[in-house]
PDB file of N, CA and C in Angstrom:
ATOM      1  N   MET A   1     -12.640   9.746  -1.160  1.00  0.00           N
ATOM      2  CA  MET A   1     -12.297   8.724  -2.117  1.00  0.00           C
ATOM      3  C   MET A   1     -13.575   8.153  -2.713  1.00  0.00           C
ATOM      4  N   GLN A   2     -13.574   7.969  -4.003  1.00  0.00           N
ATOM      5  CA  GLN A   2     -14.730   7.409  -4.690  1.00  0.00           C
ATOM      6  C   GLN A   2     -14.732   5.897  -4.527  1.00  0.00           C
ATOM      7  N   ALA A   3     -15.915   5.332  -4.346  1.00  0.00           N
ATOM      8  CA  ALA A   3     -16.077   3.882  -4.263  1.00  0.00           C
ATOM      9  C   ALA A   3     -17.137   3.453  -5.259  1.00  0.00           C
ATOM     10  N   ILE A   4     -16.932   2.283  -5.825  1.00  0.00           N
ATOM     11  CA  ILE A   4     -17.910   1.663  -6.711  1.00  0.00           C
ATOM     12  C   ILE A   4     -18.122   0.235  -6.225  1.00  0.00           C
ATOM     13  N   THR A   5     -19.228  -0.357  -6.604  1.00  0.00           N
ATOM     14  CA  THR A   5     -19.453  -1.767  -6.318  1.00  0.00           C
ATOM     15  C   THR A   5     -19.010  -2.569  -7.541  1.00  0.00           C
ATOM     16  N   PRO A   6     -18.818  -3.862  -7.375  1.00  0.00           N
ATOM     17  CA  PRO A   6     -18.473  -4.664  -8.550  1.00  0.00           C
ATOM     18  C   PRO A   6     -19.505  -4.532  -9.667  1.00  0.00           C
ATOM     19  N   ALA A   7     -20.769  -4.397  -9.323  1.00  0.00           N
ATOM     20  CA  ALA A   7     -21.815  -4.253 -10.341  1.00  0.00           C
ATOM     21  C   ALA A   7     -21.660  -2.959 -11.135  1.00  0.00           C
ATOM     22  N   GLN A   8     -21.011  -1.961 -10.564  1.00  0.00           N
ATOM     23  CA  GLN A   8     -20.824  -0.668 -11.224  1.00  0.00           C
ATOM     24  C   GLN A   8     -19.537  -0.584 -12.035  1.00  0.00           C
ATOM     25  N   LEU A   9     -18.722  -1.632 -12.010  1.00  0.00           N
ATOM     26  CA  LEU A   9     -17.417  -1.592 -12.671  1.00  0.00           C
ATOM     27  C   LEU A   9     -17.523  -1.281 -14.163  1.00  0.00           C
ATOM     28  N   ASP A  10     -18.427  -1.925 -14.860  1.00  0.00           N
ATOM     29  CA  ASP A  10     -18.535  -1.701 -16.307  1.00  0.00           C
ATOM     30  C   ASP A  10     -18.886  -0.247 -16.626  1.00  0.00           C
ATOM     31  N   ASP A  11     -19.803   0.339 -15.850  1.00  0.00           N
ATOM     32  CA  ASP A  11     -20.154   1.749 -16.061  1.00  0.00           C
ATOM     33  C   ASP A  11     -18.956   2.647 -15.786  1.00  0.00           C
ATOM     34  N   TRP A  12     -18.194   2.346 -14.722  1.00  0.00           N
ATOM     35  CA  TRP A  12     -17.000   3.132 -14.392  1.00  0.00           C
ATOM     36  C   TRP A  12     -15.979   3.042 -15.521  1.00  0.00           C
ATOM     37  N   ILE A  13     -15.782   1.835 -16.069  1.00  0.00           N
ATOM     38  CA  ILE A  13     -14.828   1.656 -17.173  1.00  0.00           C
ATOM     39  C   ILE A  13     -15.250   2.502 -18.368  1.00  0.00           C
ATOM     40  N   ARG A  14     -16.527   2.448 -18.720  1.00  0.00           N
ATOM     41  CA  ARG A  14     -17.016   3.256 -19.852  1.00  0.00           C
ATOM     42  C   ARG A  14     -16.781   4.737 -19.604  1.00  0.00           C
ATOM     43  N   GLN A  15     -17.057   5.194 -18.408  1.00  0.00           N
ATOM     44  CA  GLN A  15     -16.874   6.605 -18.057  1.00  0.00           C
ATOM     45  C   GLN A  15     -15.401   6.997 -18.142  1.00  0.00           C
ATOM     46  N   GLU A  16     -14.527   6.138 -17.667  1.00  0.00           N
ATOM     47  CA  GLU A  16     -13.098   6.457 -17.624  1.00  0.00           C
ATOM     48  C   GLU A  16     -12.419   6.382 -18.981  1.00  0.00           C
ATOM     49  N   THR A  17     -13.011   5.690 -19.915  1.00  0.00           N
ATOM     50  CA  THR A  17     -12.352   5.526 -21.219  1.00  0.00           C
ATOM     51  C   THR A  17     -12.967   6.382 -22.313  1.00  0.00           C
ATOM     52  N   THR A  18     -13.909   7.241 -21.967  1.00  0.00           N
ATOM     53  CA  THR A  18     -14.524   8.088 -22.993  1.00  0.00           C
ATOM     54  C   THR A  18     -13.539   9.093 -23.580  1.00  0.00           C
ATOM     55  N   ASP A  19     -12.520   9.449 -22.846  1.00  0.00           N
ATOM     56  CA  ASP A  19     -11.558  10.436 -23.349  1.00  0.00           C
ATOM     57  C   ASP A  19     -10.353   9.782 -24.019  1.00  0.00           C
ATOM     58  N   GLY A  20     -10.470   8.492 -24.328  1.00  0.00           N
ATOM     59  CA  GLY A  20      -9.367   7.800 -24.979  1.00  0.00           C
ATOM     60  C   GLY A  20      -8.254   7.412 -24.033  1.00  0.00           C
ATOM     61  N   ALA A  21      -8.542   7.397 -22.746  1.00  0.00           N
ATOM     62  CA  ALA A  21      -7.533   7.040 -21.744  1.00  0.00           C
ATOM     63  C   ALA A  21      -7.081   5.596 -21.930  1.00  0.00           C
ATOM     64  N   ALA A  22      -5.951   5.296 -21.332  1.00  0.00           N
ATOM     65  CA  ALA A  22      -5.431   3.935 -21.354  1.00  0.00           C
ATOM     66  C   ALA A  22      -6.429   2.990 -20.687  1.00  0.00           C
ATOM     67  N   THR A  23      -6.330   1.740 -21.009  1.00  0.00           N
ATOM     68  CA  THR A  23      -7.194   0.724 -20.426  1.00  0.00           C
ATOM     69  C   THR A  23      -7.082   0.754 -18.900  1.00  0.00           C
ATOM     70  N   PRO A  24      -8.215   0.801 -18.200  1.00  0.00           N
ATOM     71  CA  PRO A  24      -8.175   0.806 -16.734  1.00  0.00           C
ATOM     72  C   PRO A  24      -7.537  -0.462 -16.175  1.00  0.00           C
ATOM     73  N   VAL A  25      -7.040  -0.332 -14.958  1.00  0.00           N
ATOM     74  CA  VAL A  25      -6.428  -1.443 -14.236  1.00  0.00           C
ATOM     75  C   VAL A  25      -7.348  -1.836 -13.092  1.00  0.00           C
ATOM     76  N   LEU A  26      -7.604  -3.135 -12.948  1.00  0.00           N
ATOM     77  CA  LEU A  26      -8.231  -3.668 -11.747  1.00  0.00           C
ATOM     78  C   LEU A  26      -7.081  -4.198 -10.915  1.00  0.00           C
ATOM     79  N   LEU A  27      -6.740  -3.452  -9.865  1.00  0.00           N
ATOM     80  CA  LEU A  27      -5.579  -3.753  -9.028  1.00  0.00           C
ATOM     81  C   LEU A  27      -6.038  -4.589  -7.841  1.00  0.00           C
ATOM     82  N   ASP A  28      -5.701  -5.871  -7.849  1.00  0.00           N
ATOM     83  CA  ASP A  28      -6.082  -6.793  -6.780  1.00  0.00           C
ATOM     84  C   ASP A  28      -4.958  -6.820  -5.756  1.00  0.00           C
ATOM     85  N   VAL A  29      -5.228  -6.326  -4.545  1.00  0.00           N
ATOM     86  CA  VAL A  29      -4.181  -6.173  -3.528  1.00  0.00           C
ATOM     87  C   VAL A  29      -4.210  -7.281  -2.476  1.00  0.00           C
ATOM     88  N   ARG A  30      -4.882  -8.382  -2.781  1.00  0.00           N
ATOM     89  CA  ARG A  30      -4.924  -9.506  -1.844  1.00  0.00           C
ATOM     90  C   ARG A  30      -3.636 -10.325  -1.915  1.00  0.00           C
ATOM     91  N   GLU A  31      -3.473 -11.202  -0.939  1.00  0.00           N
ATOM     92  CA  GLU A  31      -2.301 -12.072  -0.854  1.00  0.00           C
ATOM     93  C   GLU A  31      -2.412 -13.205  -1.880  1.00  0.00           C
ATOM     94  N   PRO A  32      -1.269 -13.791  -2.271  1.00  0.00           N
ATOM     95  CA  PRO A  32      -1.297 -14.871  -3.266  1.00  0.00           C
ATOM     96  C   PRO A  32      -2.236 -16.029  -2.905  1.00  0.00           C
ATOM     97  N   TRP A  33      -2.274 -16.422  -1.643  1.00  0.00           N
ATOM     98  CA  TRP A  33      -3.159 -17.531  -1.268  1.00  0.00           C
ATOM     99  C   TRP A  33      -4.629 -17.169  -1.503  1.00  0.00           C
ATOM    100  N   GLU A  34      -4.958 -15.880  -1.339  1.00  0.00           N
ATOM    101  CA  GLU A  34      -6.329 -15.445  -1.582  1.00  0.00           C
ATOM    102  C   GLU A  34      -6.669 -15.506  -3.075  1.00  0.00           C
ATOM    103  N   LEU A  35      -5.696 -15.133  -3.898  1.00  0.00           N
ATOM    104  CA  LEU A  35      -5.904 -15.180  -5.343  1.00  0.00           C
ATOM    105  C   LEU A  35      -6.120 -16.614  -5.808  1.00  0.00           C
ATOM    106  N   GLN A  36      -5.432 -17.567  -5.169  1.00  0.00           N
ATOM    107  CA  GLN A  36      -5.622 -18.977  -5.516  1.00  0.00           C
ATOM    108  C   GLN A  36      -7.005 -19.463  -5.092  1.00  0.00           C
ATOM    109  N   THR A  37      -7.539 -18.876  -4.027  1.00  0.00           N
ATOM    110  CA  THR A  37      -8.847 -19.273  -3.517  1.00  0.00           C
ATOM    111  C   THR A  37      -9.974 -18.715  -4.371  1.00  0.00           C
ATOM    112  N   ALA A  38      -9.867 -17.442  -4.723  1.00  0.00           N
ATOM    113  CA  ALA A  38     -10.930 -16.766  -5.477  1.00  0.00           C
ATOM    114  C   ALA A  38     -10.336 -15.589  -6.224  1.00  0.00           C
ATOM    115  N   SER A  39     -10.492 -15.584  -7.529  1.00  0.00           N
ATOM    116  CA  SER A  39      -9.923 -14.495  -8.321  1.00  0.00           C
ATOM    117  C   SER A  39     -10.939 -13.930  -9.310  1.00  0.00           C
ATOM    118  N   ALA A  40     -10.857 -12.632  -9.477  1.00  0.00           N
ATOM    119  CA  ALA A  40     -11.643 -11.979 -10.519  1.00  0.00           C
ATOM    120  C   ALA A  40     -10.981 -12.310 -11.856  1.00  0.00           C
ATOM    121  N   PRO A  41     -11.773 -12.575 -12.864  1.00  0.00           N
ATOM    122  CA  PRO A  41     -11.183 -12.864 -14.175  1.00  0.00           C
ATOM    123  C   PRO A  41     -10.748 -11.578 -14.868  1.00  0.00           C
ATOM    124  N   SER A  42      -9.814 -11.717 -15.784  1.00  0.00           N
ATOM    125  CA  SER A  42      -9.542 -10.586 -16.668  1.00  0.00           C
ATOM    126  C   SER A  42     -10.825 -10.336 -17.436  1.00  0.00           C
ATOM    127  N   GLY A  43     -11.088  -9.112 -17.703  1.00  0.00           N
ATOM    128  CA  GLY A  43     -12.354  -8.817 -18.352  1.00  0.00           C
ATOM    129  C   GLY A  43     -12.195  -7.881 -19.516  1.00  0.00           C
ATOM    130  N   PRO A  44     -13.248  -7.744 -20.273  1.00  0.00           N
ATOM    131  CA  PRO A  44     -13.186  -6.779 -21.367  1.00  0.00           C
ATOM    132  C   PRO A  44     -13.129  -5.367 -20.795  1.00  0.00           C
ATOM    133  N   GLY A  45     -12.206  -4.599 -21.278  1.00  0.00           N
ATOM    134  CA  GLY A  45     -12.144  -3.210 -20.871  1.00  0.00           C
ATOM    135  C   GLY A  45     -11.215  -2.909 -19.719  1.00  0.00           C
ATOM    136  N   TYR A  46     -10.628  -3.928 -19.098  1.00  0.00           N
ATOM    137  CA  TYR A  46      -9.678  -3.661 -18.017  1.00  0.00           C
ATOM    138  C   TYR A  46      -8.576  -4.705 -17.988  1.00  0.00           C
ATOM    139  N   GLU A  47      -7.453  -4.305 -17.419  1.00  0.00           N
ATOM    140  CA  GLU A  47      -6.323  -5.196 -17.204  1.00  0.00           C
ATOM    141  C   GLU A  47      -6.305  -5.572 -15.731  1.00  0.00           C
ATOM    142  N   LEU A  48      -6.188  -6.849 -15.437  1.00  0.00           N
ATOM    143  CA  LEU A  48      -6.100  -7.327 -14.060  1.00  0.00           C
ATOM    144  C   LEU A  48      -4.636  -7.376 -13.651  1.00  0.00           C
ATOM    145  N   LEU A  49      -4.321  -6.749 -12.518  1.00  0.00           N
ATOM    146  CA  LEU A  49      -2.957  -6.740 -12.006  1.00  0.00           C
ATOM    147  C   LEU A  49      -2.987  -7.103 -10.532  1.00  0.00           C
ATOM    148  N   ALA A  50      -2.288  -8.173 -10.168  1.00  0.00           N
ATOM    149  CA  ALA A  50      -2.190  -8.586  -8.764  1.00  0.00           C
ATOM    150  C   ALA A  50      -0.941  -7.965  -8.154  1.00  0.00           C
ATOM    151  N   MET A  51      -1.137  -7.290  -7.024  1.00  0.00           N
ATOM    152  CA  MET A  51      -0.045  -6.623  -6.327  1.00  0.00           C
ATOM    153  C   MET A  51      -0.410  -6.602  -4.839  1.00  0.00           C
ATOM    154  N   PRO A  52       0.096  -7.559  -4.058  1.00  0.00           N
ATOM    155  CA  PRO A  52      -0.270  -7.584  -2.642  1.00  0.00           C
ATOM    156  C   PRO A  52      -0.054  -6.220  -1.978  1.00  0.00           C
ATOM    157  N   MET A  53      -0.955  -5.892  -1.071  1.00  0.00           N
ATOM    158  CA  MET A  53      -0.960  -4.574  -0.426  1.00  0.00           C
ATOM    159  C   MET A  53       0.424  -4.160   0.068  1.00  0.00           C
ATOM    160  N   ARG A  54       1.123  -5.068   0.730  1.00  0.00           N
ATOM    161  CA  ARG A  54       2.417  -4.718   1.316  1.00  0.00           C
ATOM    162  C   ARG A  54       3.468  -4.363   0.269  1.00  0.00           C
ATOM    163  N   SER A  55       3.251  -4.781  -0.992  1.00  0.00           N
ATOM    164  CA  SER A  55       4.240  -4.532  -2.042  1.00  0.00           C
ATOM    165  C   SER A  55       3.965  -3.255  -2.835  1.00  0.00           C
ATOM    166  N   VAL A  56       2.820  -2.642  -2.629  1.00  0.00           N
ATOM    167  CA  VAL A  56       2.433  -1.479  -3.444  1.00  0.00           C
ATOM    168  C   VAL A  56       3.449  -0.336  -3.371  1.00  0.00           C
ATOM    169  N   PRO A  57       3.901   0.081  -2.180  1.00  0.00           N
ATOM    170  CA  PRO A  57       4.860   1.205  -2.163  1.00  0.00           C
ATOM    171  C   PRO A  57       6.120   0.941  -2.984  1.00  0.00           C
ATOM    172  N   ALA A  58       6.624  -0.274  -2.946  1.00  0.00           N
ATOM    173  CA  ALA A  58       7.851  -0.598  -3.686  1.00  0.00           C
ATOM    174  C   ALA A  58       7.593  -0.757  -5.186  1.00  0.00           C
ATOM    175  N   ARG A  59       6.346  -0.968  -5.572  1.00  0.00           N
ATOM    176  CA  ARG A  59       6.021  -1.230  -6.977  1.00  0.00           C
ATOM    177  C   ARG A  59       5.254  -0.093  -7.642  1.00  0.00           C
ATOM    178  N   LEU A  60       5.252   1.087  -7.040  1.00  0.00           N
ATOM    179  CA  LEU A  60       4.504   2.219  -7.592  1.00  0.00           C
ATOM    180  C   LEU A  60       4.848   2.510  -9.044  1.00  0.00           C
ATOM    181  N   ALA A  61       6.093   2.303  -9.418  1.00  0.00           N
ATOM    182  CA  ALA A  61       6.520   2.610 -10.790  1.00  0.00           C
ATOM    183  C   ALA A  61       5.781   1.767 -11.829  1.00  0.00           C
ATOM    184  N   GLU A  62       5.167   0.659 -11.411  1.00  0.00           N
ATOM    185  CA  GLU A  62       4.416  -0.188 -12.334  1.00  0.00           C
ATOM    186  C   GLU A  62       3.037   0.386 -12.657  1.00  0.00           C
ATOM    187  N   LEU A  63       2.626   1.407 -11.909  1.00  0.00           N
ATOM    188  CA  LEU A  63       1.299   1.995 -12.080  1.00  0.00           C
ATOM    189  C   LEU A  63       1.427   3.390 -12.682  1.00  0.00           C
ATOM    190  N   GLU A  64       0.841   3.565 -13.853  1.00  0.00           N
ATOM    191  CA  GLU A  64       0.876   4.877 -14.499  1.00  0.00           C
ATOM    192  C   GLU A  64      -0.052   5.830 -13.761  1.00  0.00           C
ATOM    193  N   ARG A  65       0.427   7.032 -13.480  1.00  0.00           N
ATOM    194  CA  ARG A  65      -0.342   7.998 -12.685  1.00  0.00           C
ATOM    195  C   ARG A  65      -1.644   8.439 -13.338  1.00  0.00           C
ATOM    196  N   ASP A  66      -1.688   8.480 -14.660  1.00  0.00           N
ATOM    197  CA  ASP A  66      -2.897   8.970 -15.320  1.00  0.00           C
ATOM    198  C   ASP A  66      -3.819   7.836 -15.775  1.00  0.00           C
ATOM    199  N   ARG A  67      -3.488   6.621 -15.440  1.00  0.00           N
ATOM    200  CA  ARG A  67      -4.310   5.468 -15.833  1.00  0.00           C
ATOM    201  C   ARG A  67      -5.387   5.217 -14.780  1.00  0.00           C
ATOM    202  N   PRO A  68      -6.621   4.971 -15.169  1.00  0.00           N
ATOM    203  CA  PRO A  68      -7.673   4.678 -14.196  1.00  0.00           C
ATOM    204  C   PRO A  68      -7.366   3.373 -13.460  1.00  0.00           C
ATOM    205  N   ILE A  69      -7.533   3.397 -12.130  1.00  0.00           N
ATOM    206  CA  ILE A  69      -7.237   2.228 -11.294  1.00  0.00           C
ATOM    207  C   ILE A  69      -8.410   1.973 -10.369  1.00  0.00           C
ATOM    208  N   ALA A  70      -8.939   0.751 -10.406  1.00  0.00           N
ATOM    209  CA  ALA A  70      -9.955   0.297  -9.457  1.00  0.00           C
ATOM    210  C   ALA A  70      -9.272  -0.727  -8.557  1.00  0.00           C
ATOM    211  N   VAL A  71      -9.294  -0.483  -7.245  1.00  0.00           N
ATOM    212  CA  VAL A  71      -8.560  -1.325  -6.305  1.00  0.00           C
ATOM    213  C   VAL A  71      -9.521  -2.313  -5.650  1.00  0.00           C
ATOM    214  N   LEU A  72      -9.110  -3.589  -5.611  1.00  0.00           N
ATOM    215  CA  LEU A  72      -9.948  -4.690  -5.145  1.00  0.00           C
ATOM    216  C   LEU A  72      -9.229  -5.486  -4.059  1.00  0.00           C
ATOM    217  N   CYS A  73      -9.966  -5.903  -3.025  1.00  0.00           N
ATOM    218  CA  CYS A  73      -9.432  -6.835  -2.026  1.00  0.00           C
ATOM    219  C   CYS A  73     -10.549  -7.809  -1.652  1.00  0.00           C
ATOM    220  N   HIS A  74     -10.529  -8.334  -0.434  1.00  0.00           N
ATOM    221  CA  HIS A  74     -11.534  -9.312  -0.021  1.00  0.00           C
ATOM    222  C   HIS A  74     -12.893  -8.661   0.229  1.00  0.00           C
ATOM    223  N   HIS A  75     -12.934  -7.629   1.081  1.00  0.00           N
ATOM    224  CA  HIS A  75     -14.206  -6.966   1.405  1.00  0.00           C
ATOM    225  C   HIS A  75     -14.200  -5.461   1.135  1.00  0.00           C
ATOM    226  N   GLY A  76     -13.038  -4.872   0.929  1.00  0.00           N
ATOM    227  CA  GLY A  76     -12.977  -3.450   0.625  1.00  0.00           C
ATOM    228  C   GLY A  76     -12.141  -2.625   1.585  1.00  0.00           C
ATOM    229  N   GLY A  77     -11.694  -3.203   2.687  1.00  0.00           N
ATOM    230  CA  GLY A  77     -10.896  -2.461   3.664  1.00  0.00           C
ATOM    231  C   GLY A  77      -9.478  -2.186   3.192  1.00  0.00           C
ATOM    232  N   ARG A  78      -8.774  -3.236   2.788  1.00  0.00           N
ATOM    233  CA  ARG A  78      -7.397  -3.048   2.308  1.00  0.00           C
ATOM    234  C   ARG A  78      -7.379  -2.227   1.027  1.00  0.00           C
ATOM    235  N   SER A  79      -8.340  -2.479   0.156  1.00  0.00           N
ATOM    236  CA  SER A  79      -8.371  -1.728  -1.101  1.00  0.00           C
ATOM    237  C   SER A  79      -8.623  -0.246  -0.848  1.00  0.00           C
ATOM    238  N   ALA A  80      -9.431   0.079   0.160  1.00  0.00           N
ATOM    239  CA  ALA A  80      -9.653   1.488   0.512  1.00  0.00           C
ATOM    240  C   ALA A  80      -8.354   2.127   0.991  1.00  0.00           C
ATOM    241  N   GLN A  81      -7.582   1.393   1.773  1.00  0.00           N
ATOM    242  CA  GLN A  81      -6.296   1.923   2.251  1.00  0.00           C
ATOM    243  C   GLN A  81      -5.341   2.148   1.087  1.00  0.00           C
ATOM    244  N   VAL A  82      -5.280   1.197   0.171  1.00  0.00           N
ATOM    245  CA  VAL A  82      -4.390   1.341  -0.981  1.00  0.00           C
ATOM    246  C   VAL A  82      -4.860   2.478  -1.885  1.00  0.00           C
ATOM    247  N   ALA A  83      -6.162   2.579  -2.112  1.00  0.00           N
ATOM    248  CA  ALA A  83      -6.681   3.676  -2.941  1.00  0.00           C
ATOM    249  C   ALA A  83      -6.322   5.025  -2.320  1.00  0.00           C
ATOM    250  N   ARG A  84      -6.473   5.137  -1.014  1.00  0.00           N
ATOM    251  CA  ARG A  84      -6.106   6.383  -0.320  1.00  0.00           C
ATOM    252  C   ARG A  84      -4.610   6.654  -0.462  1.00  0.00           C
ATOM    253  N   PHE A  85      -3.789   5.619  -0.295  1.00  0.00           N
ATOM    254  CA  PHE A  85      -2.343   5.760  -0.454  1.00  0.00           C
ATOM    255  C   PHE A  85      -2.010   6.246  -1.863  1.00  0.00           C
ATOM    256  N   LEU A  86      -2.628   5.637  -2.876  1.00  0.00           N
ATOM    257  CA  LEU A  86      -2.353   6.052  -4.256  1.00  0.00           C
ATOM    258  C   LEU A  86      -2.750   7.507  -4.475  1.00  0.00           C
ATOM    259  N   GLN A  87      -3.883   7.914  -3.945  1.00  0.00           N
ATOM    260  CA  GLN A  87      -4.291   9.309  -4.066  1.00  0.00           C
ATOM    261  C   GLN A  87      -3.276  10.229  -3.392  1.00  0.00           C
ATOM    262  N   ASP A  88      -2.780   9.823  -2.232  1.00  0.00           N
ATOM    263  CA  ASP A  88      -1.765  10.629  -1.536  1.00  0.00           C
ATOM    264  C   ASP A  88      -0.473  10.737  -2.340  1.00  0.00           C
ATOM    265  N   GLN A  89      -0.243   9.771  -3.233  1.00  0.00           N
ATOM    266  CA  GLN A  89       0.959   9.783  -4.071  1.00  0.00           C
ATOM    267  C   GLN A  89       0.733  10.508  -5.394  1.00  0.00           C
ATOM    268  N   GLY A  90      -0.445  11.085  -5.582  1.00  0.00           N
ATOM    269  CA  GLY A  90      -0.712  11.868  -6.776  1.00  0.00           C
ATOM    270  C   GLY A  90      -1.518  11.157  -7.852  1.00  0.00           C
ATOM    271  N   TYR A  91      -1.992   9.961  -7.575  1.00  0.00           N
ATOM    272  CA  TYR A  91      -2.857   9.255  -8.535  1.00  0.00           C
ATOM    273  C   TYR A  91      -4.264   9.835  -8.395  1.00  0.00           C
ATOM    274  N   THR A  92      -4.830  10.275  -9.504  1.00  0.00           N
ATOM    275  CA  THR A  92      -6.106  10.992  -9.425  1.00  0.00           C
ATOM    276  C   THR A  92      -7.296  10.189  -9.932  1.00  0.00           C
ATOM    277  N   ARG A  93      -7.057   9.108 -10.638  1.00  0.00           N
ATOM    278  CA  ARG A  93      -8.155   8.329 -11.236  1.00  0.00           C
ATOM    279  C   ARG A  93      -8.258   6.978 -10.543  1.00  0.00           C
ATOM    280  N   VAL A  94      -8.508   7.020  -9.233  1.00  0.00           N
ATOM    281  CA  VAL A  94      -8.517   5.816  -8.402  1.00  0.00           C
ATOM    282  C   VAL A  94      -9.873   5.669  -7.724  1.00  0.00           C
ATOM    283  N   VAL A  95     -10.392   4.439  -7.729  1.00  0.00           N
ATOM    284  CA  VAL A  95     -11.614   4.126  -6.985  1.00  0.00           C
ATOM    285  C   VAL A  95     -11.386   2.851  -6.179  1.00  0.00           C
ATOM    286  N   ASN A  96     -12.139   2.728  -5.105  1.00  0.00           N
ATOM    287  CA  ASN A  96     -12.152   1.517  -4.298  1.00  0.00           C
ATOM    288  C   ASN A  96     -13.337   0.655  -4.745  1.00  0.00           C
ATOM    289  N   VAL A  97     -13.108  -0.647  -4.902  1.00  0.00           N
ATOM    290  CA  VAL A  97     -14.203  -1.566  -5.217  1.00  0.00           C
ATOM    291  C   VAL A  97     -14.784  -2.032  -3.884  1.00  0.00           C
ATOM    292  N   HIS A  98     -15.844  -1.362  -3.473  1.00  0.00           N
ATOM    293  CA  HIS A  98     -16.489  -1.609  -2.181  1.00  0.00           C
ATOM    294  C   HIS A  98     -17.125  -3.004  -2.176  1.00  0.00           C
ATOM    295  N   GLY A  99     -16.818  -3.768  -1.158  1.00  0.00           N
ATOM    296  CA  GLY A  99     -17.346  -5.123  -1.036  1.00  0.00           C
ATOM    297  C   GLY A  99     -16.394  -6.185  -1.548  1.00  0.00           C
ATOM    298  N   GLY A 100     -15.384  -5.768  -2.315  1.00  0.00           N
ATOM    299  CA  GLY A 100     -14.324  -6.660  -2.752  1.00  0.00           C
ATOM    300  C   GLY A 100     -14.767  -7.873  -3.550  1.00  0.00           C
ATOM    301  N   ILE A 101     -13.905  -8.890  -3.526  1.00  0.00           N
ATOM    302  CA  ILE A 101     -14.162 -10.107  -4.288  1.00  0.00           C
ATOM    303  C   ILE A 101     -15.374 -10.846  -3.727  1.00  0.00           C
ATOM    304  N   ASP A 102     -15.660 -10.647  -2.442  1.00  0.00           N
ATOM    305  CA  ASP A 102     -16.830 -11.285  -1.845  1.00  0.00           C
ATOM    306  C   ASP A 102     -18.103 -10.770  -2.519  1.00  0.00           C
ATOM    307  N   ARG A 103     -18.201  -9.466  -2.644  1.00  0.00           N
ATOM    308  CA  ARG A 103     -19.373  -8.879  -3.303  1.00  0.00           C
ATOM    309  C   ARG A 103     -19.351  -9.151  -4.804  1.00  0.00           C
ATOM    310  N   TRP A 104     -18.144  -9.228  -5.384  1.00  0.00           N
ATOM    311  CA  TRP A 104     -18.002  -9.570  -6.798  1.00  0.00           C
ATOM    312  C   TRP A 104     -18.694 -10.904  -7.056  1.00  0.00           C
ATOM    313  N   SER A 105     -18.461 -11.874  -6.177  1.00  0.00           N
ATOM    314  CA  SER A 105     -19.078 -13.186  -6.315  1.00  0.00           C
ATOM    315  C   SER A 105     -20.602 -13.096  -6.280  1.00  0.00           C
ATOM    316  N   GLN A 106     -21.126 -12.195  -5.485  1.00  0.00           N
ATOM    317  CA  GLN A 106     -22.570 -12.036  -5.363  1.00  0.00           C
ATOM    318  C   GLN A 106     -23.172 -11.270  -6.540  1.00  0.00           C
ATOM    319  N   GLU A 107     -22.464 -10.254  -7.033  1.00  0.00           N
ATOM    320  CA  GLU A 107     -23.030  -9.360  -8.047  1.00  0.00           C
ATOM    321  C   GLU A 107     -22.640  -9.680  -9.495  1.00  0.00           C
ATOM    322  N   ARG A 108     -21.467 -10.252  -9.686  1.00  0.00           N
ATOM    323  CA  ARG A 108     -20.967 -10.421 -11.050  1.00  0.00           C
ATOM    324  C   ARG A 108     -20.771 -11.866 -11.471  1.00  0.00           C
ATOM    325  N   ASP A 109     -20.282 -12.702 -10.558  1.00  0.00           N
ATOM    326  CA  ASP A 109     -19.900 -14.059 -10.956  1.00  0.00           C
ATOM    327  C   ASP A 109     -20.024 -15.022  -9.780  1.00  0.00           C
ATOM    328  N   PRO A 110     -21.170 -15.659  -9.637  1.00  0.00           N
ATOM    329  CA  PRO A 110     -21.375 -16.565  -8.508  1.00  0.00           C
ATOM    330  C   PRO A 110     -20.484 -17.808  -8.546  1.00  0.00           C
ATOM    331  N   SER A 111     -19.776 -18.036  -9.644  1.00  0.00           N
ATOM    332  CA  SER A 111     -18.857 -19.187  -9.690  1.00  0.00           C
ATOM    333  C   SER A 111     -17.574 -18.922  -8.903  1.00  0.00           C
ATOM    334  N   ILE A 112     -17.328 -17.656  -8.543  1.00  0.00           N
ATOM    335  CA  ILE A 112     -16.147 -17.328  -7.739  1.00  0.00           C
ATOM    336  C   ILE A 112     -16.455 -17.698  -6.292  1.00  0.00           C
ATOM    337  N   PRO A 113     -15.622 -18.564  -5.689  1.00  0.00           N
ATOM    338  CA  PRO A 113     -15.894 -18.994  -4.313  1.00  0.00           C
ATOM    339  C   PRO A 113     -15.818 -17.839  -3.326  1.00  0.00           C
ATOM    340  N   ARG A 114     -16.668 -17.910  -2.322  1.00  0.00           N
ATOM    341  CA  ARG A 114     -16.611 -16.940  -1.213  1.00  0.00           C
ATOM    342  C   ARG A 114     -15.794 -17.587  -0.096  1.00  0.00           C
ATOM    343  N   TYR A 115     -15.006 -16.773   0.579  1.00  0.00           N
ATOM    344  CA  TYR A 115     -14.199 -17.293   1.696  1.00  0.00           C
ATOM    345  C   TYR A 115     -14.202 -16.335   2.842  1.00  0.00           C
TER     346      TYR A 115
END
């Protein structure tokens, strides 16, 4: 499974959209209370979608198989599991955001609280 850091997200988005692909999804698989504590903002070049890890199997139809997906959680463990699950389901353009929202706060936006 491919992993990127939050600092590499913009480069990954550019790479994934060179062929005219649909806008990538930043899939945040944390729990609602975590999203209230610290959330990545919607950004240029990607759509932010919150889908708690436990709900992903039931909500697969919301994710287009050919759309690039970067999976995000707190530190990268849950997102790695979800990225692996998506790959097992036939999703081919999936990456794990290694370090999660915690590293996002360090590399991209220090205004996002760490918890």
